[in-house]
Protein backbone atom coordinates (compact mmCIF):
# COMPACT_ATOMS: atom_id res chain seq x y z
CA MET A 1 26.77 19.87 1.66
CA LYS A 2 25.39 18.63 -1.59
CA LYS A 3 27.31 16.30 -3.82
CA SER A 4 27.31 18.80 -6.64
CA SER A 5 29.04 21.35 -4.42
CA ILE A 6 31.74 18.89 -3.45
CA LEU A 7 32.27 17.91 -7.12
CA ALA A 8 32.59 21.58 -8.04
CA ILE A 9 35.23 22.08 -5.34
CA PHE A 10 37.29 19.12 -6.58
CA ALA A 11 36.92 20.27 -10.20
CA ALA A 12 38.17 23.75 -9.28
CA MET A 13 41.12 22.29 -7.42
CA GLY A 14 42.02 20.18 -10.45
CA LEU A 15 41.83 23.16 -12.73
CA LEU A 16 43.97 25.26 -10.39
CA GLN A 17 46.64 22.55 -10.28
CA ALA A 18 46.64 22.35 -14.09
CA CYS A 19 47.29 26.10 -14.24
CA ALA A 20 50.24 25.92 -11.87
CA THR A 21 53.46 26.30 -13.87
CA THR A 22 56.14 25.44 -11.34
CA PRO A 23 56.54 22.30 -9.19
CA ALA A 24 56.30 24.48 -6.07
CA GLU A 25 52.92 25.88 -7.20
CA GLN A 26 51.70 22.41 -8.05
CA ARG A 27 52.70 21.18 -4.62
CA GLN A 28 50.87 24.06 -2.91
CA VAL A 29 47.70 23.35 -4.80
CA GLY A 30 48.04 19.62 -4.14
CA CYS A 31 48.46 20.28 -0.40
CA ALA A 32 45.43 22.51 -0.33
CA GLY A 33 43.41 19.88 -2.17
CA ALA A 34 44.44 17.12 0.23
CA THR A 35 43.59 19.33 3.19
CA VAL A 36 40.13 20.21 1.83
CA ALA A 37 39.41 16.60 0.88
CA GLY A 38 40.41 15.40 4.31
CA ALA A 39 38.32 18.08 6.04
CA LEU A 40 35.26 17.17 3.96
CA LEU A 41 35.66 13.48 4.66
CA GLY A 42 36.37 14.05 8.35
CA GLY A 43 33.37 16.33 8.71
CA ALA A 44 31.15 13.75 7.04
CA VAL A 45 32.33 11.00 9.35
CA GLY A 46 31.99 13.21 12.47
CA ASN A 47 28.48 14.18 11.42
CA GLN A 48 27.38 10.51 11.72
CA PHE A 49 27.83 10.56 15.50
CA GLY A 50 26.21 12.36 18.39
CA GLY A 51 23.12 14.47 18.56
CA GLY A 52 22.21 18.10 19.14
CA SER A 53 25.19 20.34 19.89
CA GLY A 54 27.37 17.25 20.32
CA LYS A 55 26.86 16.44 16.66
CA ASP A 56 28.02 19.90 15.68
CA ILE A 57 31.15 19.53 17.88
CA LEU A 58 31.93 16.09 16.39
CA THR A 59 31.42 17.40 12.84
CA ALA A 60 33.82 20.32 13.44
CA GLY A 61 36.31 18.11 15.20
CA GLY A 62 36.17 15.59 12.38
CA ALA A 63 36.73 18.33 9.82
CA VAL A 64 39.80 19.61 11.70
CA ALA A 65 41.26 16.14 12.22
CA GLY A 66 40.52 15.15 8.64
CA GLY A 67 42.17 18.27 7.29
CA MET A 68 45.26 17.66 9.39
CA ALA A 69 45.34 14.04 8.31
CA GLY A 70 44.97 14.91 4.63
CA ASN A 71 47.72 17.52 4.91
CA ASN A 72 50.09 15.03 6.56
CA ALA A 73 49.25 12.26 4.11
CA ALA A 74 50.11 14.51 1.20
CA GLY A 75 53.52 15.21 2.75
CA CYS A 76 52.94 18.92 3.26
């Protein structure tokens, strides 16, 4: 994924959080942002290992693990 796409995703999440009016809505957007950020980072790390179909599996596994870690880190 290109850096510009990643930046656009984070900008959209920031704008959505700014539009949230209640603390519950802000928490939901924050949890989604943490999950997406963790998944992107985990996928990027997983993509550095393996080769062929193993690389795809590690990328997907890293994205799942990163998403779960980001969600837990945010306290969701």
